């Protein structure tokens, strides 16, 4: 892969997508472990709230 930049770029893009998408897939586990099902809704809505704040304060 080091000799093929096209493959390296593809693998890096896939890695970035996996890392950023994985966090939402793992949200149910801490909510279940804490015995707080209501926390799952907060975890999912936190990214949307962060997007709103970033959009409102961005240039």
PDB file of N, CA and C in Angstrom:
ATOM      1  N   UNK A   1       0.813  -1.189   0.000  1.00  0.00           N
ATOM      2  CA  UNK A   1       0.000   0.000   0.000  1.00  0.00           C
ATOM      3  C   UNK A   1       0.858   1.256   0.000  1.00  0.00           C
ATOM      4  N   UNK A   2       2.000   1.200   0.609  1.00  0.00           N
ATOM      5  CA  UNK A   2       2.843   2.395   0.687  1.00  0.00           C
ATOM      6  C   UNK A   2       3.272   2.858  -0.701  1.00  0.00           C
ATOM      7  N   UNK A   3       3.352   1.930  -1.643  1.00  0.00           N
ATOM      8  CA  UNK A   3       3.766   2.295  -3.009  1.00  0.00           C
ATOM      9  C   UNK A   3       2.596   2.706  -3.881  1.00  0.00           C
ATOM     10  N   UNK A   4       1.377   2.541  -3.392  1.00  0.00           N
ATOM     11  CA  UNK A   4       0.189   2.897  -4.185  1.00  0.00           C
ATOM     12  C   UNK A   4      -0.612   3.960  -3.443  1.00  0.00           C
ATOM     13  N   UNK A   5      -0.395   5.229  -3.769  1.00  0.00           N
ATOM     14  CA  UNK A   5      -1.087   6.312  -3.062  1.00  0.00           C
ATOM     15  C   UNK A   5      -2.601   6.243  -3.189  1.00  0.00           C
ATOM     16  N   UNK A   6      -3.092   5.703  -4.295  1.00  0.00           N
ATOM     17  CA  UNK A   6      -4.546   5.612  -4.442  1.00  0.00           C
ATOM     18  C   UNK A   6      -5.145   4.636  -3.429  1.00  0.00           C
ATOM     19  N   UNK A   7      -4.476   3.523  -3.190  1.00  0.00           N
ATOM     20  CA  UNK A   7      -4.961   2.583  -2.186  1.00  0.00           C
ATOM     21  C   UNK A   7      -4.792   3.134  -0.774  1.00  0.00           C
ATOM     22  N   UNK A   8      -3.705   3.808  -0.540  1.00  0.00           N
ATOM     23  CA  UNK A   8      -3.471   4.389   0.777  1.00  0.00           C
ATOM     24  C   UNK A   8      -4.542   5.434   1.102  1.00  0.00           C
ATOM     25  N   UNK A   9      -4.865   6.280   0.138  1.00  0.00           N
ATOM     26  CA  UNK A   9      -5.912   7.281   0.347  1.00  0.00           C
ATOM     27  C   UNK A   9      -7.268   6.651   0.601  1.00  0.00           C
ATOM     28  N   UNK A  10      -7.575   5.596  -0.116  1.00  0.00           N
ATOM     29  CA  UNK A  10      -8.844   4.903   0.069  1.00  0.00           C
ATOM     30  C   UNK A  10      -8.927   4.279   1.460  1.00  0.00           C
ATOM     31  N   UNK A  11      -7.842   3.656   1.882  1.00  0.00           N
ATOM     32  CA  UNK A  11      -7.830   3.032   3.212  1.00  0.00           C
ATOM     33  C   UNK A  11      -7.920   4.080   4.316  1.00  0.00           C
ATOM     34  N   UNK A  12      -7.266   5.201   4.151  1.00  0.00           N
ATOM     35  CA  UNK A  12      -7.333   6.258   5.160  1.00  0.00           C
ATOM     36  C   UNK A  12      -8.735   6.862   5.228  1.00  0.00           C
ATOM     37  N   UNK A  13      -9.369   7.029   4.087  1.00  0.00           N
ATOM     38  CA  UNK A  13     -10.743   7.545   4.085  1.00  0.00           C
ATOM     39  C   UNK A  13     -11.689   6.564   4.764  1.00  0.00           C
ATOM     40  N   UNK A  14     -11.504   5.279   4.513  1.00  0.00           N
ATOM     41  CA  UNK A  14     -12.330   4.264   5.152  1.00  0.00           C
ATOM     42  C   UNK A  14     -12.084   4.228   6.656  1.00  0.00           C
ATOM     43  N   UNK A  15     -10.853   4.369   7.064  1.00  0.00           N
ATOM     44  CA  UNK A  15     -10.533   4.389   8.483  1.00  0.00           C
ATOM     45  C   UNK A  15     -11.182   5.586   9.187  1.00  0.00           C
ATOM     46  N   UNK A  16     -11.125   6.745   8.554  1.00  0.00           N
ATOM     47  CA  UNK A  16     -11.738   7.939   9.143  1.00  0.00           C
ATOM     48  C   UNK A  16     -13.251   7.769   9.265  1.00  0.00           C
ATOM     49  N   UNK A  17     -13.879   7.219   8.241  1.00  0.00           N
ATOM     50  CA  UNK A  17     -15.334   7.006   8.293  1.00  0.00           C
ATOM     51  C   UNK A  17     -15.694   6.012   9.386  1.00  0.00           C
ATOM     52  N   UNK A  18     -14.898   4.975   9.546  1.00  0.00           N
ATOM     53  CA  UNK A  18     -15.169   3.979  10.575  1.00  0.00           C
ATOM     54  C   UNK A  18     -15.014   4.573  11.965  1.00  0.00           C
ATOM     55  N   UNK A  19     -13.979   5.349  12.181  1.00  0.00           N
ATOM     56  CA  UNK A  19     -13.738   5.926  13.498  1.00  0.00           C
ATOM     57  C   UNK A  19     -14.850   6.896  13.876  1.00  0.00           C
ATOM     58  N   UNK A  20     -15.265   7.742  12.950  1.00  0.00           N
ATOM     59  CA  UNK A  20     -16.279   8.734  13.286  1.00  0.00           C
ATOM     60  C   UNK A  20     -17.677   8.140  13.375  1.00  0.00           C
ATOM     61  N   UNK A  21     -17.971   7.096  12.641  1.00  0.00           N
ATOM     62  CA  UNK A  21     -19.294   6.476  12.688  1.00  0.00           C
ATOM     63  C   UNK A  21     -19.411   5.483  13.832  1.00  0.00           C
ATOM     64  N   UNK A  22     -18.298   4.941  14.272  1.00  0.00           N
ATOM     65  CA  UNK A  22     -18.330   3.913  15.298  1.00  0.00           C
ATOM     66  C   UNK A  22     -18.856   4.442  16.622  1.00  0.00           C
ATOM     67  N   UNK A  23     -18.588   5.677  16.924  1.00  0.00           N
ATOM     68  CA  UNK A  23     -19.018   6.197  18.222  1.00  0.00           C
ATOM     69  C   UNK A  23     -20.534   6.133  18.397  1.00  0.00           C
ATOM     70  N   UNK A  24     -21.283   6.390  17.349  1.00  0.00           N
ATOM     71  CA  UNK A  24     -22.737   6.322  17.480  1.00  0.00           C
ATOM     72  C   UNK A  24     -23.222   4.884  17.592  1.00  0.00           C
ATOM     73  N   UNK A  25     -22.485   3.954  17.020  1.00  0.00           N
ATOM     74  CA  UNK A  25     -22.865   2.547  17.139  1.00  0.00           C
ATOM     75  C   UNK A  25     -22.656   2.031  18.553  1.00  0.00           C
ATOM     76  N   UNK A  26     -21.759   2.655  19.301  1.00  0.00           N
ATOM     77  CA  UNK A  26     -21.468   2.203  20.658  1.00  0.00           C
ATOM     78  C   UNK A  26     -22.287   2.914  21.730  1.00  0.00           C
ATOM     79  N   UNK A  27     -23.095   3.877  21.374  1.00  0.00           N
ATOM     80  CA  UNK A  27     -23.874   4.630  22.354  1.00  0.00           C
ATOM     81  C   UNK A  27     -24.775   3.761  23.236  1.00  0.00           C
ATOM     82  N   UNK A  28     -25.435   2.738  22.717  1.00  0.00           N
ATOM     83  CA  UNK A  28     -26.322   1.957  23.591  1.00  0.00           C
ATOM     84  C   UNK A  28     -25.606   1.244  24.743  1.00  0.00           C
ATOM     85  N   UNK A  29     -24.339   0.931  24.592  1.00  0.00           N
ATOM     86  CA  UNK A  29     -23.646   0.162  25.623  1.00  0.00           C
ATOM     87  C   UNK A  29     -23.432   0.934  26.921  1.00  0.00           C
ATOM     88  N   UNK A  30     -22.930   2.176  26.901  1.00  0.00           N
ATOM     89  CA  UNK A  30     -22.819   2.880  28.191  1.00  0.00           C
ATOM     90  C   UNK A  30     -24.179   3.185  28.817  1.00  0.00           C
ATOM     91  N   UNK A  31     -25.176   3.433  27.986  1.00  0.00           N
ATOM     92  CA  UNK A  31     -26.509   3.702  28.532  1.00  0.00           C
ATOM     93  C   UNK A  31     -27.057   2.468  29.243  1.00  0.00           C
ATOM     94  N   UNK A  32     -26.809   1.301  28.673  1.00  0.00           N
ATOM     95  CA  UNK A  32     -27.272   0.069  29.314  1.00  0.00           C
ATOM     96  C   UNK A  32     -26.454  -0.229  30.567  1.00  0.00           C
ATOM     97  N   UNK A  33     -25.154   0.001  30.490  1.00  0.00           N
ATOM     98  CA  UNK A  33     -24.296  -0.285  31.641  1.00  0.00           C
ATOM     99  C   UNK A  33     -24.618   0.628  32.827  1.00  0.00           C
ATOM    100  N   UNK A  34     -25.011   1.856  32.551  1.00  0.00           N
ATOM    101  CA  UNK A  34     -25.366   2.789  33.611  1.00  0.00           C
ATOM    102  C   UNK A  34     -26.820   2.641  34.056  1.00  0.00           C
ATOM    103  N   UNK A  35     -27.546   1.734  33.418  1.00  0.00           N
ATOM    104  CA  UNK A  35     -28.973   1.525  33.687  1.00  0.00           C
ATOM    105  C   UNK A  35     -29.739   2.835  33.555  1.00  0.00           C
ATOM    106  N   UNK A  36     -29.395   3.574  32.494  1.00  0.00           N
ATOM    107  CA  UNK A  36     -30.042   4.864  32.242  1.00  0.00           C
ATOM    108  C   UNK A  36     -30.456   4.931  30.774  1.00  0.00           C
ATOM    109  N   UNK A  37     -31.588   4.330  30.422  1.00  0.00           N
ATOM    110  CA  UNK A  37     -31.995   4.350  29.018  1.00  0.00           C
ATOM    111  C   UNK A  37     -32.242   5.754  28.478  1.00  0.00           C
ATOM    112  N   UNK A  38     -32.593   6.691  29.357  1.00  0.00           N
ATOM    113  CA  UNK A  38     -32.811   8.068  28.921  1.00  0.00           C
ATOM    114  C   UNK A  38     -31.511   8.702  28.430  1.00  0.00           C
ATOM    115  N   UNK A  39     -30.371   8.203  28.892  1.00  0.00           N
ATOM    116  CA  UNK A  39     -29.080   8.765  28.484  1.00  0.00           C
ATOM    117  C   UNK A  39     -28.805   8.513  27.009  1.00  0.00           C
ATOM    118  N   UNK A  40     -29.402   7.474  26.453  1.00  0.00           N
ATOM    119  CA  UNK A  40     -29.184   7.176  25.036  1.00  0.00           C
ATOM    120  C   UNK A  40     -29.693   8.316  24.166  1.00  0.00           C
ATOM    121  N   UNK A  41     -30.822   8.864  24.496  1.00  0.00           N
ATOM    122  CA  UNK A  41     -31.348  10.005  23.748  1.00  0.00           C
ATOM    123  C   UNK A  41     -30.441  11.220  23.853  1.00  0.00           C
ATOM    124  N   UNK A  42     -29.886  11.437  25.039  1.00  0.00           N
ATOM    125  CA  UNK A  42     -28.952  12.554  25.206  1.00  0.00           C
ATOM    126  C   UNK A  42     -27.683  12.359  24.384  1.00  0.00           C
ATOM    127  N   UNK A  43     -27.185  11.127  24.355  1.00  0.00           N
ATOM    128  CA  UNK A  43     -25.975  10.854  23.583  1.00  0.00           C
ATOM    129  C   UNK A  43     -26.209  11.099  22.090  1.00  0.00           C
ATOM    130  N   UNK A  44     -27.340  10.640  21.589  1.00  0.00           N
ATOM    131  CA  UNK A  44     -27.632  10.854  20.165  1.00  0.00           C
ATOM    132  C   UNK A  44     -27.876  12.322  19.842  1.00  0.00           C
ATOM    133  N   UNK A  45     -28.517  13.046  20.739  1.00  0.00           N
ATOM    134  CA  UNK A  45     -28.827  14.441  20.451  1.00  0.00           C
ATOM    135  C   UNK A  45     -27.629  15.368  20.671  1.00  0.00           C
ATOM    136  N   UNK A  46     -26.596  14.903  21.355  1.00  0.00           N
ATOM    137  CA  UNK A  46     -25.430  15.752  21.614  1.00  0.00           C
ATOM    138  C   UNK A  46     -24.715  16.141  20.319  1.00  0.00           C
ATOM    139  N   UNK A  47     -24.627  15.232  19.360  1.00  0.00           N
ATOM    140  CA  UNK A  47     -23.956  15.588  18.102  1.00  0.00           C
ATOM    141  C   UNK A  47     -24.778  16.609  17.317  1.00  0.00           C
ATOM    142  N   UNK A  48     -26.089  16.486  17.355  1.00  0.00           N
ATOM    143  CA  UNK A  48     -26.930  17.464  16.671  1.00  0.00           C
ATOM    144  C   UNK A  48     -26.838  18.827  17.351  1.00  0.00           C
ATOM    145  N   UNK A  49     -26.828  18.820  18.674  1.00  0.00           N
ATOM    146  CA  UNK A  49     -26.702  20.089  19.403  1.00  0.00           C
ATOM    147  C   UNK A  49     -25.348  20.732  19.129  1.00  0.00           C
ATOM    148  N   UNK A  50     -24.300  19.929  19.072  1.00  0.00           N
ATOM    149  CA  UNK A  50     -22.974  20.459  18.746  1.00  0.00           C
ATOM    150  C   UNK A  50     -22.929  21.032  17.349  1.00  0.00           C
ATOM    151  N   UNK A  51     -23.616  20.403  16.411  1.00  0.00           N
ATOM    152  CA  UNK A  51     -23.676  20.928  15.055  1.00  0.00           C
ATOM    153  C   UNK A  51     -24.401  22.259  15.004  1.00  0.00           C
ATOM    154  N   UNK A  52     -25.476  22.367  15.759  1.00  0.00           N
ATOM    155  CA  UNK A  52     -26.202  23.641  15.805  1.00  0.00           C
ATOM    156  C   UNK A  52     -25.356  24.762  16.394  1.00  0.00           C
ATOM    157  N   UNK A  53     -24.638  24.458  17.460  1.00  0.00           N
ATOM    158  CA  UNK A  53     -23.775  25.460  18.087  1.00  0.00           C
ATOM    159  C   UNK A  53     -22.652  25.860  17.141  1.00  0.00           C
ATOM    160  N   UNK A  54     -22.047  24.870  16.485  1.00  0.00           N
ATOM    161  CA  UNK A  54     -20.970  25.169  15.543  1.00  0.00           C
ATOM    162  C   UNK A  54     -21.474  25.988  14.361  1.00  0.00           C
ATOM    163  N   UNK A  55     -22.672  25.661  13.887  1.00  0.00           N
ATOM    164  CA  UNK A  55     -23.241  26.418  12.777  1.00  0.00           C
ATOM    165  C   UNK A  55     -23.619  27.831  13.159  1.00  0.00           C
ATOM    166  N   UNK A  56     -24.096  28.001  14.380  1.00  0.00           N
ATOM    167  CA  UNK A  56     -24.513  29.320  14.834  1.00  0.00           C
ATOM    168  C   UNK A  56     -23.327  30.241  15.133  1.00  0.00           C
ATOM    169  N   UNK A  57     -22.222  29.657  15.562  1.00  0.00           N
ATOM    170  CA  UNK A  57     -21.070  30.473  15.933  1.00  0.00           C
ATOM    171  C   UNK A  57     -19.998  30.527  14.863  1.00  0.00           C
ATOM    172  N   UNK A  58     -20.152  29.726  13.820  1.00  0.00           N
ATOM    173  CA  UNK A  58     -19.149  29.712  12.748  1.00  0.00           C
ATOM    174  C   UNK A  58     -19.255  30.944  11.862  1.00  0.00           C
ATOM    175  N   UNK A  59     -18.147  31.251  11.215  1.00  0.00           N
ATOM    176  CA  UNK A  59     -18.056  32.451  10.399  1.00  0.00           C
ATOM    177  C   UNK A  59     -18.854  32.382   9.178  1.00  0.00           C
TER     178      UNK A  59
END
